N, C-alpha and C. Protein backbone atom coordinates (compact mmCIF):
# COMPACT_ATOMS: atom_id res chain seq x y z
N UNK A 1 16.27 -36.67 60.75
CA UNK A 1 15.46 -36.91 59.62
C UNK A 1 16.32 -37.11 58.38
N UNK A 2 15.92 -38.05 57.70
CA UNK A 2 16.72 -38.44 56.56
C UNK A 2 16.04 -38.00 55.26
N UNK A 3 16.85 -37.41 54.34
CA UNK A 3 16.33 -36.98 53.04
C UNK A 3 16.41 -38.14 52.07
N UNK A 4 15.33 -38.26 51.32
CA UNK A 4 15.33 -39.33 50.34
C UNK A 4 15.79 -38.79 48.99
N UNK A 5 16.45 -39.63 48.28
CA UNK A 5 16.90 -39.27 46.94
C UNK A 5 15.69 -39.23 46.02
N UNK A 6 15.45 -38.05 45.37
CA UNK A 6 14.26 -37.91 44.53
C UNK A 6 14.57 -37.97 43.04
N UNK A 7 15.66 -38.52 42.67
CA UNK A 7 15.97 -38.64 41.26
C UNK A 7 15.03 -39.64 40.62
N UNK A 8 14.62 -39.32 39.37
CA UNK A 8 13.72 -40.27 38.69
C UNK A 8 14.46 -41.57 38.38
N UNK A 9 13.72 -42.60 38.39
CA UNK A 9 14.29 -43.91 38.11
C UNK A 9 14.11 -44.20 36.63
N UNK A 10 15.21 -44.54 35.97
CA UNK A 10 15.16 -44.86 34.55
C UNK A 10 15.20 -46.36 34.43
N UNK A 11 14.26 -46.87 33.70
CA UNK A 11 14.22 -48.30 33.48
C UNK A 11 15.17 -48.63 32.34
N UNK A 12 16.29 -49.18 32.66
CA UNK A 12 17.29 -49.45 31.66
C UNK A 12 17.10 -50.81 31.01
N UNK A 13 16.13 -51.50 31.39
CA UNK A 13 15.92 -52.82 30.82
C UNK A 13 15.26 -52.73 29.44
N UNK A 14 14.58 -51.59 29.10
CA UNK A 14 13.94 -51.46 27.81
C UNK A 14 14.87 -50.69 26.86
N UNK A 15 15.22 -51.26 25.73
CA UNK A 15 16.10 -50.55 24.78
C UNK A 15 15.35 -49.39 24.12
N UNK A 16 16.11 -48.34 23.74
CA UNK A 16 15.54 -47.18 23.07
C UNK A 16 15.05 -47.61 21.69
N UNK A 17 13.80 -47.21 21.35
CA UNK A 17 13.22 -47.63 20.07
C UNK A 17 13.72 -46.71 18.96
N UNK A 18 14.12 -47.29 17.83
CA UNK A 18 14.53 -46.52 16.66
C UNK A 18 13.33 -46.39 15.74
N UNK A 19 13.34 -45.31 14.99
CA UNK A 19 12.29 -45.12 13.99
C UNK A 19 12.48 -46.18 12.91
N UNK A 20 11.39 -46.57 12.28
CA UNK A 20 11.52 -47.57 11.21
C UNK A 20 12.47 -47.07 10.12
N UNK A 21 13.15 -47.99 9.45
CA UNK A 21 14.15 -47.64 8.45
C UNK A 21 13.55 -46.78 7.34
N UNK A 22 12.36 -47.09 6.88
CA UNK A 22 11.71 -46.33 5.80
C UNK A 22 11.50 -44.88 6.22
N UNK A 23 11.14 -44.66 7.48
CA UNK A 23 10.92 -43.30 7.98
C UNK A 23 12.24 -42.54 8.03
N UNK A 24 13.32 -43.20 8.42
CA UNK A 24 14.63 -42.55 8.43
C UNK A 24 15.07 -42.17 7.03
N UNK A 25 14.83 -43.03 6.06
CA UNK A 25 15.20 -42.75 4.67
C UNK A 25 14.40 -41.56 4.16
N UNK A 26 13.12 -41.53 4.43
CA UNK A 26 12.27 -40.41 3.99
C UNK A 26 12.72 -39.11 4.64
N UNK A 27 13.05 -39.16 5.91
CA UNK A 27 13.52 -37.95 6.61
C UNK A 27 14.83 -37.45 6.00
N UNK A 28 15.74 -38.36 5.67
CA UNK A 28 17.02 -37.98 5.06
C UNK A 28 16.79 -37.34 3.69
N UNK A 29 15.93 -37.94 2.90
CA UNK A 29 15.61 -37.38 1.58
C UNK A 29 14.99 -35.99 1.73
N UNK A 30 14.09 -35.83 2.69
CA UNK A 30 13.45 -34.53 2.90
C UNK A 30 14.48 -33.48 3.29
N UNK A 31 15.44 -33.82 4.13
CA UNK A 31 16.49 -32.88 4.52
C UNK A 31 17.36 -32.48 3.33
N UNK A 32 17.73 -33.46 2.52
CA UNK A 32 18.55 -33.17 1.34
C UNK A 32 17.77 -32.28 0.38
N UNK A 33 16.51 -32.58 0.15
CA UNK A 33 15.67 -31.77 -0.73
C UNK A 33 15.55 -30.35 -0.20
N UNK A 34 15.32 -30.18 1.09
CA UNK A 34 15.22 -28.84 1.67
C UNK A 34 16.52 -28.07 1.50
N UNK A 35 17.65 -28.74 1.66
CA UNK A 35 18.95 -28.08 1.48
C UNK A 35 19.13 -27.64 0.03
N UNK A 36 18.74 -28.49 -0.92
CA UNK A 36 18.84 -28.13 -2.34
C UNK A 36 17.95 -26.95 -2.68
N UNK A 37 16.73 -26.95 -2.17
CA UNK A 37 15.82 -25.83 -2.42
C UNK A 37 16.41 -24.55 -1.86
N UNK A 38 16.96 -24.61 -0.67
CA UNK A 38 17.58 -23.42 -0.07
C UNK A 38 18.72 -22.90 -0.94
N UNK A 39 19.58 -23.79 -1.43
CA UNK A 39 20.71 -23.39 -2.27
C UNK A 39 20.21 -22.76 -3.57
N UNK A 40 19.23 -23.37 -4.21
CA UNK A 40 18.68 -22.84 -5.47
C UNK A 40 18.07 -21.47 -5.25
N UNK A 41 17.28 -21.32 -4.21
CA UNK A 41 16.65 -20.02 -3.92
C UNK A 41 17.72 -18.99 -3.63
N UNK A 42 18.72 -19.34 -2.87
CA UNK A 42 19.79 -18.40 -2.53
C UNK A 42 20.53 -17.96 -3.78
N UNK A 43 20.88 -18.89 -4.65
CA UNK A 43 21.62 -18.55 -5.87
C UNK A 43 20.77 -17.75 -6.85
N UNK A 44 19.48 -18.02 -6.91
CA UNK A 44 18.64 -17.31 -7.87
C UNK A 44 18.33 -15.89 -7.44
N UNK A 45 18.53 -15.55 -6.18
CA UNK A 45 18.26 -14.19 -5.73
C UNK A 45 19.47 -13.29 -5.89
N UNK A 46 20.63 -13.86 -6.27
CA UNK A 46 21.79 -13.02 -6.53
C UNK A 46 21.54 -12.23 -7.79
N UNK A 47 22.26 -11.13 -7.98
CA UNK A 47 22.08 -10.25 -9.12
C UNK A 47 22.77 -10.83 -10.35
N UNK A 48 22.12 -11.80 -10.99
CA UNK A 48 22.65 -12.40 -12.21
C UNK A 48 22.11 -11.64 -13.40
N UNK A 49 22.90 -11.56 -14.49
CA UNK A 49 22.46 -10.88 -15.69
C UNK A 49 21.76 -11.90 -16.58
N UNK A 50 20.57 -11.60 -17.01
CA UNK A 50 19.82 -12.48 -17.89
C UNK A 50 20.31 -12.33 -19.32
N UNK A 51 20.24 -13.44 -20.09
CA UNK A 51 20.63 -13.38 -21.50
C UNK A 51 19.62 -12.58 -22.30
N UNK A 52 18.44 -12.45 -21.82
CA UNK A 52 17.42 -11.73 -22.56
C UNK A 52 17.36 -10.25 -22.21
N UNK A 53 18.19 -9.81 -21.29
CA UNK A 53 18.16 -8.41 -20.92
C UNK A 53 18.76 -7.57 -22.04
N UNK A 54 18.45 -6.30 -22.01
CA UNK A 54 18.97 -5.39 -23.03
C UNK A 54 20.48 -5.30 -22.93
N UNK A 55 21.16 -5.14 -24.06
CA UNK A 55 22.61 -5.02 -24.03
C UNK A 55 23.04 -3.78 -23.24
N UNK A 56 24.24 -3.85 -22.67
CA UNK A 56 24.75 -2.75 -21.88
C UNK A 56 25.06 -1.57 -22.80
N UNK A 57 24.87 -0.34 -22.31
CA UNK A 57 25.21 0.82 -23.12
C UNK A 57 26.71 0.85 -23.42
N UNK A 58 27.04 1.40 -24.55
CA UNK A 58 28.42 1.43 -24.98
C UNK A 58 29.04 2.76 -24.59
N UNK A 59 30.22 2.69 -23.96
CA UNK A 59 30.92 3.92 -23.62
C UNK A 59 31.61 4.47 -24.86
N UNK A 60 31.73 5.79 -24.94
CA UNK A 60 32.28 6.44 -26.12
C UNK A 60 33.72 6.02 -26.40
N UNK A 61 34.47 5.62 -25.38
CA UNK A 61 35.87 5.28 -25.58
C UNK A 61 36.06 3.84 -26.07
N UNK A 62 35.03 3.03 -26.04
CA UNK A 62 35.14 1.64 -26.45
C UNK A 62 35.08 1.50 -27.96
N UNK A 63 35.86 0.58 -28.51
CA UNK A 63 35.71 0.19 -29.91
C UNK A 63 34.79 -1.02 -29.90
N UNK A 64 33.66 -0.88 -30.59
CA UNK A 64 32.67 -1.95 -30.56
C UNK A 64 32.63 -2.63 -31.91
N UNK A 65 32.85 -3.95 -31.90
CA UNK A 65 32.71 -4.74 -33.11
C UNK A 65 31.66 -5.81 -32.81
N UNK A 66 30.72 -5.91 -33.72
CA UNK A 66 29.62 -6.86 -33.55
C UNK A 66 29.60 -7.76 -34.77
N UNK A 67 29.55 -9.07 -34.57
CA UNK A 67 29.48 -10.03 -35.66
C UNK A 67 28.07 -10.62 -35.66
N UNK A 68 27.39 -10.53 -36.80
CA UNK A 68 26.02 -11.01 -36.90
C UNK A 68 25.90 -12.09 -37.98
N UNK A 69 24.98 -13.01 -37.77
CA UNK A 69 24.62 -14.03 -38.75
C UNK A 69 23.14 -14.31 -38.63
N UNK A 70 22.46 -14.52 -39.74
CA UNK A 70 21.00 -14.63 -39.73
C UNK A 70 20.48 -15.81 -38.91
N UNK A 71 21.29 -16.85 -38.70
CA UNK A 71 20.82 -18.03 -37.97
C UNK A 71 21.34 -18.11 -36.54
N UNK A 72 21.92 -17.03 -36.03
CA UNK A 72 22.49 -17.03 -34.69
C UNK A 72 22.06 -15.75 -33.97
N UNK A 73 21.26 -15.89 -32.92
CA UNK A 73 20.76 -14.71 -32.20
C UNK A 73 21.89 -13.92 -31.56
N UNK A 74 22.88 -14.59 -31.05
CA UNK A 74 23.97 -13.89 -30.40
C UNK A 74 23.47 -12.99 -29.28
N UNK A 75 24.22 -11.96 -28.96
CA UNK A 75 23.88 -11.06 -27.85
C UNK A 75 22.73 -10.12 -28.19
N UNK A 76 22.57 -9.77 -29.46
CA UNK A 76 21.61 -8.72 -29.82
C UNK A 76 20.35 -9.22 -30.52
N UNK A 77 20.31 -10.48 -30.91
CA UNK A 77 19.18 -10.99 -31.69
C UNK A 77 17.98 -11.37 -30.84
N UNK A 78 16.81 -11.02 -31.35
CA UNK A 78 15.54 -11.45 -30.75
C UNK A 78 14.70 -12.07 -31.85
N UNK A 79 14.07 -13.20 -31.54
CA UNK A 79 13.25 -13.85 -32.56
C UNK A 79 11.98 -13.03 -32.80
N UNK A 80 11.69 -12.84 -34.09
CA UNK A 80 10.46 -12.14 -34.49
C UNK A 80 9.67 -13.13 -35.33
N UNK A 81 8.37 -13.22 -35.08
CA UNK A 81 7.52 -14.16 -35.80
C UNK A 81 6.40 -13.36 -36.47
N UNK A 82 6.28 -13.54 -37.77
CA UNK A 82 5.18 -12.94 -38.53
C UNK A 82 4.20 -14.04 -38.89
N UNK A 83 2.92 -13.72 -38.84
CA UNK A 83 1.84 -14.64 -39.26
C UNK A 83 1.92 -15.98 -38.54
N UNK A 84 2.11 -15.92 -37.23
CA UNK A 84 2.29 -17.13 -36.43
C UNK A 84 1.08 -18.05 -36.55
N UNK A 85 1.37 -19.34 -36.74
CA UNK A 85 0.32 -20.35 -36.80
C UNK A 85 -0.39 -20.45 -38.14
N UNK A 86 0.09 -19.74 -39.16
CA UNK A 86 -0.52 -19.80 -40.48
C UNK A 86 0.46 -20.42 -41.46
N UNK A 87 0.00 -20.65 -42.69
CA UNK A 87 0.90 -21.18 -43.71
C UNK A 87 1.95 -20.14 -44.13
N UNK A 88 1.75 -18.88 -43.77
CA UNK A 88 2.69 -17.81 -44.09
C UNK A 88 3.62 -17.47 -42.93
N UNK A 89 3.68 -18.34 -41.92
CA UNK A 89 4.52 -18.05 -40.76
C UNK A 89 5.97 -17.87 -41.20
N UNK A 90 6.61 -16.84 -40.64
CA UNK A 90 8.00 -16.53 -40.97
C UNK A 90 8.70 -16.10 -39.70
N UNK A 91 9.81 -16.77 -39.39
CA UNK A 91 10.60 -16.48 -38.20
C UNK A 91 11.98 -15.99 -38.61
N UNK A 92 12.46 -14.99 -37.91
CA UNK A 92 13.81 -14.48 -38.17
C UNK A 92 14.29 -13.76 -36.93
N UNK A 93 15.60 -13.46 -36.90
CA UNK A 93 16.16 -12.69 -35.81
C UNK A 93 16.23 -11.22 -36.21
N UNK A 94 15.73 -10.37 -35.32
CA UNK A 94 15.93 -8.93 -35.45
C UNK A 94 17.07 -8.57 -34.50
N UNK A 95 18.08 -7.87 -35.01
CA UNK A 95 19.27 -7.55 -34.21
C UNK A 95 19.16 -6.13 -33.69
N UNK A 96 18.90 -6.01 -32.39
CA UNK A 96 18.73 -4.72 -31.72
C UNK A 96 20.08 -4.27 -31.18
N UNK A 97 20.87 -3.65 -32.03
CA UNK A 97 22.18 -3.16 -31.62
C UNK A 97 22.02 -1.75 -31.08
N UNK A 98 22.98 -1.27 -30.29
CA UNK A 98 22.88 0.09 -29.76
C UNK A 98 22.82 1.11 -30.90
N UNK A 99 22.02 2.15 -30.71
CA UNK A 99 21.89 3.20 -31.73
C UNK A 99 23.24 3.84 -32.00
N UNK A 100 23.46 4.23 -33.25
CA UNK A 100 24.70 4.91 -33.61
C UNK A 100 25.06 4.72 -35.06
N UNK A 101 26.21 5.23 -35.42
CA UNK A 101 26.75 5.14 -36.77
C UNK A 101 27.70 3.94 -36.81
N UNK A 102 27.57 3.10 -37.84
CA UNK A 102 28.36 1.88 -37.95
C UNK A 102 29.01 1.76 -39.32
N UNK A 103 30.17 1.12 -39.35
CA UNK A 103 30.79 0.68 -40.59
C UNK A 103 30.48 -0.80 -40.68
N UNK A 104 29.82 -1.20 -41.77
CA UNK A 104 29.45 -2.61 -41.95
C UNK A 104 30.31 -3.21 -43.04
N UNK A 105 30.79 -4.43 -42.80
CA UNK A 105 31.54 -5.16 -43.82
C UNK A 105 31.07 -6.61 -43.81
N UNK A 106 31.03 -7.19 -45.03
CA UNK A 106 30.56 -8.57 -45.16
C UNK A 106 31.77 -9.45 -45.45
N UNK A 107 32.01 -10.42 -44.58
CA UNK A 107 33.21 -11.24 -44.65
C UNK A 107 32.91 -12.69 -44.98
N UNK A 108 32.01 -12.91 -45.92
CA UNK A 108 31.68 -14.27 -46.33
C UNK A 108 31.48 -14.27 -47.84
N UNK A 109 31.32 -15.44 -48.41
CA UNK A 109 31.07 -15.54 -49.85
C UNK A 109 29.65 -15.11 -50.15
N UNK A 110 29.44 -14.62 -51.36
CA UNK A 110 28.09 -14.25 -51.78
C UNK A 110 27.76 -12.83 -51.39
N UNK A 111 26.49 -12.61 -51.10
CA UNK A 111 26.00 -11.28 -50.76
C UNK A 111 25.14 -11.34 -49.51
N UNK A 112 24.95 -10.18 -48.92
CA UNK A 112 24.14 -10.05 -47.71
C UNK A 112 23.25 -8.83 -47.87
N UNK A 113 21.97 -9.00 -47.61
CA UNK A 113 21.07 -7.85 -47.60
C UNK A 113 20.79 -7.44 -46.17
N UNK A 114 20.99 -6.15 -45.90
CA UNK A 114 20.73 -5.58 -44.59
C UNK A 114 19.51 -4.69 -44.70
N UNK A 115 18.48 -4.99 -43.94
CA UNK A 115 17.28 -4.17 -43.92
C UNK A 115 17.15 -3.58 -42.53
N UNK A 116 17.05 -2.26 -42.45
CA UNK A 116 16.88 -1.60 -41.16
C UNK A 116 15.38 -1.40 -40.97
N UNK A 117 14.86 -1.98 -39.89
CA UNK A 117 13.43 -2.01 -39.64
C UNK A 117 13.09 -1.22 -38.38
N UNK A 118 11.87 -0.73 -38.32
CA UNK A 118 11.36 -0.05 -37.15
C UNK A 118 10.56 -1.05 -36.33
N UNK A 119 10.63 -0.92 -35.01
CA UNK A 119 9.85 -1.80 -34.15
C UNK A 119 8.39 -1.80 -34.57
N UNK A 120 7.78 -2.94 -34.53
CA UNK A 120 6.36 -3.05 -34.84
C UNK A 120 6.14 -3.89 -36.09
N UNK A 121 4.89 -4.23 -36.30
CA UNK A 121 4.49 -5.06 -37.44
C UNK A 121 3.30 -4.37 -38.09
N UNK A 122 3.31 -4.31 -39.42
CA UNK A 122 2.14 -3.76 -40.12
C UNK A 122 1.32 -4.92 -40.67
N UNK A 123 0.02 -4.69 -40.84
CA UNK A 123 -0.87 -5.72 -41.37
C UNK A 123 -1.48 -5.20 -42.66
N UNK A 124 -1.29 -5.96 -43.74
CA UNK A 124 -1.85 -5.59 -45.03
C UNK A 124 -3.36 -5.77 -45.03
N UNK A 125 -4.02 -5.30 -46.09
CA UNK A 125 -5.48 -5.43 -46.21
C UNK A 125 -5.92 -6.89 -46.21
N UNK A 126 -5.07 -7.79 -46.72
CA UNK A 126 -5.43 -9.21 -46.76
C UNK A 126 -5.07 -9.95 -45.47
N UNK A 127 -4.63 -9.20 -44.42
CA UNK A 127 -4.35 -9.79 -43.12
C UNK A 127 -2.94 -10.31 -42.94
N UNK A 128 -2.09 -10.22 -43.93
CA UNK A 128 -0.72 -10.70 -43.84
C UNK A 128 0.12 -9.68 -43.07
N UNK A 129 0.89 -10.17 -42.09
CA UNK A 129 1.77 -9.30 -41.29
C UNK A 129 3.09 -9.10 -42.02
N UNK A 130 3.61 -7.88 -41.93
CA UNK A 130 4.89 -7.54 -42.55
C UNK A 130 5.72 -6.71 -41.58
N UNK A 131 7.04 -6.72 -41.81
CA UNK A 131 7.91 -5.86 -41.03
C UNK A 131 7.72 -4.42 -41.49
N UNK A 132 8.09 -3.48 -40.64
CA UNK A 132 8.04 -2.07 -41.00
C UNK A 132 9.47 -1.64 -41.31
N UNK A 133 9.72 -1.33 -42.57
CA UNK A 133 11.05 -0.95 -43.01
C UNK A 133 11.23 0.53 -42.74
N UNK A 134 12.42 0.89 -42.23
CA UNK A 134 12.71 2.30 -41.97
C UNK A 134 12.81 3.06 -43.29
N UNK A 135 13.05 4.34 -43.20
CA UNK A 135 13.16 5.17 -44.39
C UNK A 135 14.41 4.86 -45.19
N UNK A 136 15.39 4.20 -44.59
CA UNK A 136 16.61 3.83 -45.31
C UNK A 136 16.33 2.64 -46.23
N UNK A 137 16.88 2.69 -47.41
CA UNK A 137 16.70 1.58 -48.35
C UNK A 137 17.54 0.40 -47.89
N UNK A 138 17.10 -0.83 -48.22
CA UNK A 138 17.93 -2.00 -47.89
C UNK A 138 19.31 -1.87 -48.54
N UNK A 139 20.31 -2.41 -47.85
CA UNK A 139 21.70 -2.34 -48.30
C UNK A 139 22.11 -3.75 -48.72
N UNK A 140 22.70 -3.87 -49.90
CA UNK A 140 23.23 -5.15 -50.35
C UNK A 140 24.75 -5.05 -50.35
N UNK A 141 25.38 -5.93 -49.60
CA UNK A 141 26.84 -5.97 -49.51
C UNK A 141 27.35 -7.26 -50.14
N UNK A 142 28.36 -7.14 -50.98
CA UNK A 142 29.06 -8.31 -51.51
C UNK A 142 30.25 -8.61 -50.61
N UNK A 143 30.80 -9.79 -50.74
CA UNK A 143 31.95 -10.19 -49.93
C UNK A 143 33.06 -9.16 -50.04
N UNK A 144 33.57 -8.70 -48.90
CA UNK A 144 34.67 -7.75 -48.85
C UNK A 144 34.26 -6.29 -48.95
N UNK A 145 32.99 -5.99 -49.21
CA UNK A 145 32.56 -4.60 -49.32
C UNK A 145 32.28 -4.01 -47.94
N UNK A 146 32.36 -2.68 -47.87
CA UNK A 146 32.05 -1.95 -46.64
C UNK A 146 31.08 -0.83 -46.95
N UNK A 147 30.28 -0.45 -45.96
CA UNK A 147 29.33 0.66 -46.10
C UNK A 147 29.09 1.24 -44.71
N UNK A 148 28.73 2.52 -44.65
CA UNK A 148 28.34 3.13 -43.39
C UNK A 148 26.83 3.16 -43.30
N UNK A 149 26.33 2.97 -42.10
CA UNK A 149 24.88 3.00 -41.88
C UNK A 149 24.58 3.51 -40.49
N UNK A 150 23.37 4.02 -40.32
CA UNK A 150 22.94 4.58 -39.04
C UNK A 150 21.78 3.76 -38.49
N UNK A 151 21.88 3.42 -37.24
CA UNK A 151 20.79 2.72 -36.53
C UNK A 151 20.27 3.67 -35.47
N UNK A 152 18.97 3.96 -35.49
CA UNK A 152 18.35 4.84 -34.51
C UNK A 152 17.72 4.01 -33.41
N UNK A 153 17.30 4.70 -32.34
CA UNK A 153 16.55 4.03 -31.27
C UNK A 153 15.31 3.37 -31.88
N UNK A 154 14.88 2.26 -31.32
CA UNK A 154 13.70 1.52 -31.76
C UNK A 154 13.82 1.00 -33.19
N UNK A 155 15.03 0.77 -33.65
CA UNK A 155 15.25 0.14 -34.95
C UNK A 155 16.06 -1.13 -34.73
N UNK A 156 15.92 -2.06 -35.66
CA UNK A 156 16.70 -3.29 -35.61
C UNK A 156 17.14 -3.65 -37.02
N UNK A 157 18.10 -4.56 -37.10
CA UNK A 157 18.61 -5.02 -38.38
C UNK A 157 18.03 -6.39 -38.69
N UNK A 158 17.53 -6.55 -39.92
CA UNK A 158 17.11 -7.85 -40.42
C UNK A 158 18.08 -8.21 -41.54
N UNK A 159 18.64 -9.41 -41.46
CA UNK A 159 19.58 -9.88 -42.48
C UNK A 159 18.89 -10.83 -43.43
N UNK A 160 19.43 -10.94 -44.66
CA UNK A 160 18.92 -11.95 -45.57
C UNK A 160 19.10 -13.32 -44.92
N UNK A 161 18.26 -14.27 -45.29
CA UNK A 161 18.18 -15.55 -44.58
C UNK A 161 19.47 -16.35 -44.53
N UNK A 162 20.35 -16.16 -45.49
CA UNK A 162 21.56 -16.97 -45.53
C UNK A 162 22.81 -16.19 -45.13
N UNK A 163 22.66 -15.03 -44.56
CA UNK A 163 23.80 -14.16 -44.23
C UNK A 163 24.59 -14.70 -43.04
N UNK A 164 25.89 -14.76 -43.19
CA UNK A 164 26.81 -15.09 -42.10
C UNK A 164 28.01 -14.18 -42.23
N UNK A 165 28.52 -13.71 -41.15
CA UNK A 165 29.76 -12.94 -41.21
C UNK A 165 29.61 -11.45 -41.46
N UNK A 166 28.49 -10.85 -41.05
CA UNK A 166 28.37 -9.39 -41.15
C UNK A 166 29.05 -8.80 -39.92
N UNK A 167 30.04 -7.96 -40.16
CA UNK A 167 30.76 -7.32 -39.06
C UNK A 167 30.40 -5.85 -39.01
N UNK A 168 30.01 -5.38 -37.83
CA UNK A 168 29.68 -3.98 -37.62
C UNK A 168 30.68 -3.39 -36.65
N UNK A 169 31.18 -2.21 -36.98
CA UNK A 169 32.09 -1.49 -36.09
C UNK A 169 31.47 -0.14 -35.82
N UNK A 170 31.24 0.15 -34.54
CA UNK A 170 30.62 1.42 -34.16
C UNK A 170 31.64 2.54 -34.35
N UNK A 171 31.22 3.58 -35.10
CA UNK A 171 32.14 4.69 -35.35
C UNK A 171 31.66 5.96 -34.68
N UNK A 172 30.44 6.02 -34.23
CA UNK A 172 29.96 7.16 -33.42
C UNK A 172 28.64 6.82 -32.77
């Protein structure tokens, strides 16, 4: 008895059909897009520090110098808006520096007013919003002058609108 070969017969006379060119292009684009999405998701889940996060606590052994200007948020500035959407709208940066004792010096021409404010906004009887000034009186510094000041928790610094070059050095 003879065994027959049971291998399937392949018809080699018909060429293998390729997908239409447009379908191949779409598939390639979809693969590239999926790879990009994967890379973006992977990178965004790493522990990156946000620019809007609170500043890092200062170690006692560090010498901390902070340079502030009224038109530059820098590391510590947050935009504060009073009376938003009205003719009295006023925008400025509140500088939330770490609490402590500071030596402040003004290194520009003219003068700089430093107002230490408490978090929050008060509303006058006529509906106008205002900052809440701390118990400390505003400080006016002329070019080259120095003064000591204390910043407590939940307080921020508001500078006069044209101030540039206020340097703060943490002393305790």
